Amino acid sequence: MTRRNLVQAAAAGTTGAFLASNPAAAGVWNRPCGRRKIGLTPEERAAPYARFMKPAVDPPQPHVPAAIAAGPTPASLIPSRRRLADDIHTPGYSPVETGYGQLPTGEVWVACLTDMPGVTPVMWEWWFAWHSRESGRYKLWHPEAHAYAALRTNRSERLPLREQFVSNTSYVDEIIGGHLDQLAITFREPARFGIDTGRFDGVAICGTVGTAFVPVDVGILCHQVRATPNGSEMRSRFYLNVPGTRAYDPVGAACAFQRGISLPRSMVFDRRFGAALLRHCGEEMNHLAGFLPELYWEFG
């Protein structure tokens, strides 16, 4: 049995066991969980934010395809995961701000720098509190790759921004490198990764990344957004092949099955996926930054 088969069997077995022991929860299979679709549904097109939906994603900033064309970053230039906080705390720039590569530990690393004129750090904090509540909002971010989004817990929008998404899980279906991934992103306080946001003028959005249908994590991410004279800049960092677990969410797993399971292409990420993730990150961050100020002032 392959690792893909094991994941599929574990997901089906874990969810099935829960539903068998909790008959009242079995109705989740018949409960609308939202559907996966690239592009807005008729209902989403009627939403007031639909006018911000573009037919195609904006290209990444030029240094992103240049970094991909240059090939993997040498391992000697990649900060270890233990040095993530030092990297984020750097007042200037690290030796490599945009690139991808693999450490001797097997961890795949991705870094992406995005300049965002006219955007403030708080706008990004608001975005992470706002967008996962509806798939249509999430699709604005990357109209060619984002297909579904939902939160484990829809918390009150009256809460402070960070309390709406930190320690909450966002379930997203998105296409990266031509493959549909069903992900569970659990946002965490930056301090969990040793990051002190008091050391820079901005915010940090950090978390763990896993599969939507089993409580297994596969990596970590952190987006630092710091103020610049003309707006702000985002310094994104990803470390993959970092195994972990999270609390099991049977409803989230059942909804993932209901949408149609898309198994991971592999249980181990390689540098090719790192390059695809770098392009995806460069596209979505630059795309959203182009209209985030207007979106924020209308809905924030």
Protein backbone atom coordinates (compact mmCIF):
# COMPACT_ATOMS: atom_id res chain seq x y z
CA MET A 1 0.00 0.00 0.00
CA THR A 2 1.38 3.40 -0.99
CA ARG A 3 1.51 6.42 1.32
CA ARG A 4 -1.32 7.98 -0.71
CA ASN A 5 -3.44 4.89 -0.09
CA LEU A 6 -2.60 5.02 3.61
CA VAL A 7 -3.68 8.68 3.85
CA GLN A 8 -6.93 7.92 2.01
CA ALA A 9 -7.67 4.91 4.22
CA ALA A 10 -6.81 6.81 7.39
CA ALA A 11 -9.02 9.74 6.39
CA ALA A 12 -11.96 7.50 5.53
CA GLY A 13 -11.48 5.36 8.61
CA THR A 14 -11.11 8.24 11.06
CA THR A 15 -14.12 10.14 9.71
CA GLY A 16 -16.20 6.97 9.41
CA ALA A 17 -15.42 5.95 12.97
CA PHE A 18 -16.50 9.34 14.28
CA LEU A 19 -19.79 9.27 12.39
CA ALA A 20 -20.46 5.70 13.52
CA SER A 21 -19.94 6.62 17.17
CA ASN A 22 -21.82 9.94 16.84
CA PRO A 23 -25.03 9.23 14.90
CA ALA A 24 -26.25 12.79 15.34
CA ALA A 25 -23.23 14.02 13.41
CA ALA A 26 -23.89 11.76 10.44
CA GLY A 27 -26.15 14.43 8.97
CA VAL A 28 -23.07 16.45 8.09
CA TRP A 29 -22.85 14.35 4.94
CA ASN A 30 -26.20 15.79 3.84
CA ARG A 31 -25.55 19.28 5.15
CA PRO A 32 -24.42 21.85 2.58
CA CYS A 33 -20.73 22.43 3.10
CA GLY A 34 -20.24 24.76 0.18
CA ARG A 35 -18.98 23.69 -3.22
CA ARG A 36 -15.64 23.95 -4.92
CA LYS A 37 -15.46 26.06 -8.06
CA ILE A 38 -12.92 28.19 -9.87
CA GLY A 39 -14.65 31.48 -10.58
CA LEU A 40 -17.61 32.99 -8.79
CA THR A 41 -20.91 31.16 -8.49
CA PRO A 42 -24.11 33.03 -9.43
CA GLU A 43 -24.71 33.73 -5.72
CA GLU A 44 -21.17 35.05 -5.27
CA ARG A 45 -21.48 37.27 -8.34
CA ALA A 46 -24.40 38.99 -6.59
CA ALA A 47 -22.24 39.82 -3.53
CA PRO A 48 -21.19 43.47 -3.13
CA TYR A 49 -17.50 42.59 -3.28
CA ALA A 50 -17.84 40.75 -6.64
CA ARG A 51 -16.76 43.82 -8.60
CA PHE A 52 -13.22 43.22 -7.30
CA MET A 53 -13.06 39.84 -9.05
CA LYS A 54 -10.74 39.96 -12.07
CA PRO A 55 -10.88 37.48 -14.96
CA ALA A 56 -7.22 36.53 -14.50
CA VAL A 57 -4.54 36.83 -11.86
CA ASP A 58 -2.01 39.65 -12.15
CA PRO A 59 1.54 38.45 -12.87
CA PRO A 60 4.06 38.32 -10.02
CA GLN A 61 6.60 41.06 -9.63
CA PRO A 62 9.59 40.53 -12.00
CA HIS A 63 12.01 39.24 -9.38
CA VAL A 64 9.80 36.20 -8.75
CA PRO A 65 10.07 34.55 -12.20
CA ALA A 66 13.73 35.61 -12.24
CA ALA A 67 14.33 33.68 -9.00
CA ILE A 68 12.53 30.63 -10.40
CA ALA A 69 14.57 30.77 -13.61
CA ALA A 70 17.79 30.98 -11.59
CA GLY A 71 17.07 27.59 -10.02
CA PRO A 72 17.14 26.43 -6.39
CA THR A 73 18.87 28.56 -3.78
CA PRO A 74 22.00 26.82 -2.41
CA ALA A 75 21.35 25.25 0.97
CA SER A 76 24.19 27.31 2.45
CA LEU A 77 22.14 30.47 1.87
CA ILE A 78 18.89 29.13 3.35
CA PRO A 79 18.20 29.95 7.02
CA SER A 80 17.29 26.92 9.08
CA ARG A 81 13.77 26.78 10.48
CA ARG A 82 15.19 27.47 13.93
CA ARG A 83 16.43 30.82 12.60
CA LEU A 84 13.04 31.92 11.27
CA ALA A 85 12.62 34.54 14.00
CA ASP A 86 16.12 35.95 13.35
CA ASP A 87 15.26 36.16 9.65
CA ILE A 88 12.00 38.00 10.35
CA HIS A 89 13.61 40.32 12.92
CA THR A 90 16.25 41.44 10.39
CA PRO A 91 15.81 45.22 10.03
CA GLY A 92 17.05 45.17 6.45
CA TYR A 93 17.02 42.20 4.12
CA SER A 94 18.30 38.66 4.25
CA PRO A 95 20.82 37.41 1.67
CA VAL A 96 17.96 35.80 -0.28
CA GLU A 97 14.51 37.40 -0.05
CA THR A 98 12.95 35.58 -3.00
CA GLY A 99 13.83 32.00 -3.80
CA TYR A 100 13.24 28.34 -3.11
CA GLY A 101 15.43 25.41 -2.14
CA GLN A 102 15.94 22.46 0.16
CA LEU A 103 17.87 22.09 3.38
CA PRO A 104 19.99 19.01 4.22
CA THR A 105 17.19 18.07 6.66
CA GLY A 106 14.87 17.59 3.67
CA GLU A 107 12.78 20.65 4.51
CA VAL A 108 11.72 22.66 1.47
CA TRP A 109 12.05 26.42 1.93
CA VAL A 110 10.33 29.21 0.00
CA ALA A 111 10.77 32.98 0.44
CA CYS A 112 8.95 35.72 -1.45
CA LEU A 113 9.24 39.50 -1.21
CA THR A 114 6.29 41.60 -2.41
CA ASP A 115 6.36 45.40 -2.58
CA MET A 116 2.91 46.87 -1.92
CA PRO A 117 2.57 50.64 -2.51
CA GLY A 118 -0.41 52.19 -0.78
CA VAL A 119 -1.05 49.14 1.40
CA THR A 120 -0.72 49.26 5.20
CA PRO A 121 0.09 46.29 7.46
CA VAL A 122 -3.31 46.48 9.19
CA MET A 123 -5.02 45.96 5.83
CA TRP A 124 -3.45 42.51 5.62
CA GLU A 125 -4.45 41.69 9.17
CA TRP A 126 -8.02 42.66 8.25
CA TRP A 127 -7.84 40.54 5.09
CA PHE A 128 -6.97 37.41 7.03
CA ALA A 129 -9.89 38.04 9.38
CA TRP A 130 -12.31 38.76 6.50
CA HIS A 131 -11.60 36.54 3.52
CA SER A 132 -12.03 32.97 4.83
CA ARG A 133 -15.66 33.49 5.84
CA GLU A 134 -16.85 33.07 2.24
CA SER A 135 -15.37 31.25 -0.75
CA GLY A 136 -16.20 34.21 -2.97
CA ARG A 137 -13.97 36.48 -0.92
CA TYR A 138 -11.11 33.98 -1.06
CA LYS A 139 -11.42 33.74 -4.85
CA LEU A 140 -10.66 37.46 -5.21
CA TRP A 141 -7.11 36.66 -4.07
CA HIS A 142 -6.28 34.38 -7.02
CA PRO A 143 -9.13 34.04 -9.56
CA GLU A 144 -7.41 31.20 -11.44
CA ALA A 145 -6.43 29.01 -8.48
CA HIS A 146 -8.68 29.58 -5.45
CA ALA A 147 -11.80 27.42 -5.39
CA TYR A 148 -13.12 27.11 -1.82
CA ALA A 149 -12.71 28.53 1.68
CA ALA A 150 -14.38 28.03 5.06
CA LEU A 151 -13.48 28.53 8.70
CA ARG A 152 -13.63 25.90 11.40
CA THR A 153 -15.29 28.49 13.64
CA ASN A 154 -17.05 31.61 12.37
CA ARG A 155 -16.22 34.00 15.17
CA SER A 156 -17.90 37.32 15.73
CA GLU A 157 -16.72 40.08 13.41
CA ARG A 158 -16.93 42.39 16.42
CA LEU A 159 -13.86 40.73 17.93
CA PRO A 160 -10.43 42.33 17.44
CA LEU A 161 -9.02 41.30 14.07
CA ARG A 162 -6.45 38.82 15.34
CA GLU A 163 -8.95 37.10 17.63
CA GLN A 164 -11.06 36.29 14.58
CA PHE A 165 -8.42 34.10 12.91
CA VAL A 166 -5.61 33.22 15.34
CA SER A 167 -6.08 29.68 16.73
CA ASN A 168 -8.72 29.16 14.05
CA THR A 169 -8.41 26.88 11.01
CA SER A 170 -9.08 28.00 7.45
CA TYR A 171 -9.97 25.21 5.03
CA VAL A 172 -9.01 26.10 1.47
CA ASP A 173 -9.03 24.28 -1.87
CA GLU A 174 -6.50 25.81 -4.23
CA ILE A 175 -4.44 24.87 -7.26
CA ILE A 176 -0.66 25.06 -6.88
CA GLY A 177 1.56 23.87 -9.70
CA GLY A 178 -1.40 22.48 -11.61
CA HIS A 179 -2.61 20.24 -8.76
CA LEU A 180 -5.63 20.82 -6.52
CA ASP A 181 -4.69 20.80 -2.83
CA GLN A 182 -7.20 20.63 0.05
CA LEU A 183 -5.46 22.43 2.87
CA ALA A 184 -6.08 23.27 6.50
CA ILE A 185 -4.20 26.38 7.63
CA THR A 186 -4.26 26.91 11.39
CA PHE A 187 -3.17 30.42 12.31
CA ARG A 188 -0.94 30.82 15.35
CA GLU A 189 0.48 33.67 17.35
CA PRO A 190 3.88 34.71 15.92
CA ALA A 191 5.38 34.24 19.39
CA ARG A 192 4.89 30.49 18.93
CA PHE A 193 7.66 30.71 16.33
CA GLY A 194 9.82 33.05 18.42
CA ILE A 195 8.74 36.18 16.55
CA ASP A 196 8.39 39.43 18.50
CA THR A 197 6.20 41.82 16.48
CA GLY A 198 7.31 44.67 18.73
CA ARG A 199 10.67 44.57 16.96
CA PHE A 200 9.36 45.94 13.67
CA ASP A 201 6.69 48.34 12.40
CA GLY A 202 4.12 45.92 11.07
CA VAL A 203 2.34 42.61 11.61
CA ALA A 204 3.08 38.93 11.17
CA ILE A 205 0.58 36.28 10.10
CA CYS A 206 1.89 32.81 10.89
CA GLY A 207 0.52 29.29 11.07
CA THR A 208 0.79 25.62 10.28
CA VAL A 209 -0.32 23.98 7.03
CA GLY A 210 -1.86 20.53 6.78
CA THR A 211 -4.38 18.41 4.93
CA ALA A 212 -8.10 19.13 5.22
CA PHE A 213 -9.19 15.53 5.70
CA VAL A 214 -6.80 14.19 8.35
CA PRO A 215 -5.33 16.12 11.34
CA VAL A 216 -1.79 16.03 9.95
CA ASP A 217 0.33 19.13 9.36
CA VAL A 218 3.09 19.25 6.77
CA GLY A 219 4.69 22.68 7.21
CA ILE A 220 4.68 26.21 8.58
CA LEU A 221 4.24 29.64 7.03
CA CYS A 222 4.81 33.20 8.12
CA HIS A 223 4.03 36.44 6.30
CA GLN A 224 5.68 39.52 7.76
CA VAL A 225 4.13 42.78 6.57
CA ARG A 226 6.21 45.79 7.52
CA ALA A 227 5.68 49.46 6.75
CA THR A 228 7.74 51.22 4.07
CA PRO A 229 7.81 54.91 3.05
CA ASN A 230 5.35 54.24 0.21
CA GLY A 231 3.17 51.59 1.83
CA SER A 232 4.40 48.22 2.99
CA GLU A 233 6.20 45.06 1.91
CA MET A 234 5.50 41.41 2.61
CA ARG A 235 8.28 38.96 3.40
CA SER A 236 6.78 35.47 3.11
CA ARG A 237 8.46 32.33 4.45
CA PHE A 238 7.45 28.67 4.10
CA TYR A 239 9.06 25.53 5.49
CA LEU A 240 7.58 22.26 4.23
CA ASN A 241 8.18 18.62 5.18
CA VAL A 242 7.71 19.68 8.81
CA PRO A 243 5.35 17.03 10.26
CA GLY A 244 2.88 17.80 13.03
CA THR A 245 -0.65 17.15 14.25
CA ARG A 246 -3.64 19.25 15.19
CA ALA A 247 -7.01 18.67 16.85
CA TYR A 248 -9.27 16.50 14.70
CA ASP A 249 -12.24 18.31 13.15
CA PRO A 250 -14.75 15.70 11.89
CA VAL A 251 -17.01 18.30 10.28
CA GLY A 252 -14.11 19.83 8.34
CA ALA A 253 -13.00 16.35 7.22
CA ALA A 254 -16.52 15.34 6.21
CA CYS A 255 -16.94 18.52 4.17
CA ALA A 256 -13.61 17.85 2.44
CA PHE A 257 -14.91 14.42 1.43
CA GLN A 258 -18.19 15.92 0.29
CA ARG A 259 -16.38 18.33 -2.04
CA GLY A 260 -14.43 15.38 -3.53
CA ILE A 261 -11.08 14.26 -2.19
CA SER A 262 -7.98 15.42 -4.01
CA LEU A 263 -5.09 13.46 -2.55
CA PRO A 264 -1.66 15.09 -2.17
CA ARG A 265 0.61 14.48 -5.12
CA SER A 266 3.10 13.14 -2.59
CA MET A 267 3.55 12.99 1.16
CA VAL A 268 6.98 14.58 0.69
CA PHE A 269 7.43 17.94 -1.01
CA ASP A 270 10.32 18.52 -3.40
CA ARG A 271 12.05 21.55 -4.88
CA ARG A 272 9.76 21.46 -7.91
CA PHE A 273 6.82 22.10 -5.61
CA GLY A 274 8.86 24.87 -3.94
CA ALA A 275 9.18 26.63 -7.29
CA ALA A 276 5.42 26.26 -7.91
CA LEU A 277 4.62 27.62 -4.45
CA LEU A 278 6.93 30.59 -5.01
CA ARG A 279 5.11 31.47 -8.24
CA HIS A 280 1.70 31.05 -6.59
CA CYS A 281 2.67 33.23 -3.62
CA GLY A 282 4.14 35.89 -5.90
CA GLU A 283 0.97 35.96 -7.97
CA GLU A 284 -1.61 36.08 -5.19
CA MET A 285 0.18 38.63 -3.01
CA ASN A 286 0.87 41.03 -5.87
CA HIS A 287 -2.64 40.54 -7.27
CA LEU A 288 -4.44 41.35 -4.03
CA ALA A 289 -2.16 44.25 -3.16
CA GLY A 290 -3.38 45.99 -6.32
CA PHE A 291 -6.91 46.50 -4.98
CA LEU A 292 -6.63 45.78 -1.24
CA PRO A 293 -6.73 49.48 -0.19
CA GLU A 294 -10.04 50.05 -2.01
CA LEU A 295 -11.48 46.76 -0.75
CA TYR A 296 -10.44 47.63 2.81
CA TRP A 297 -11.97 51.10 2.75
CA GLU A 298 -15.25 49.72 1.43
CA PHE A 299 -15.62 46.65 3.67
CA GLY A 300 -13.08 47.03 6.47
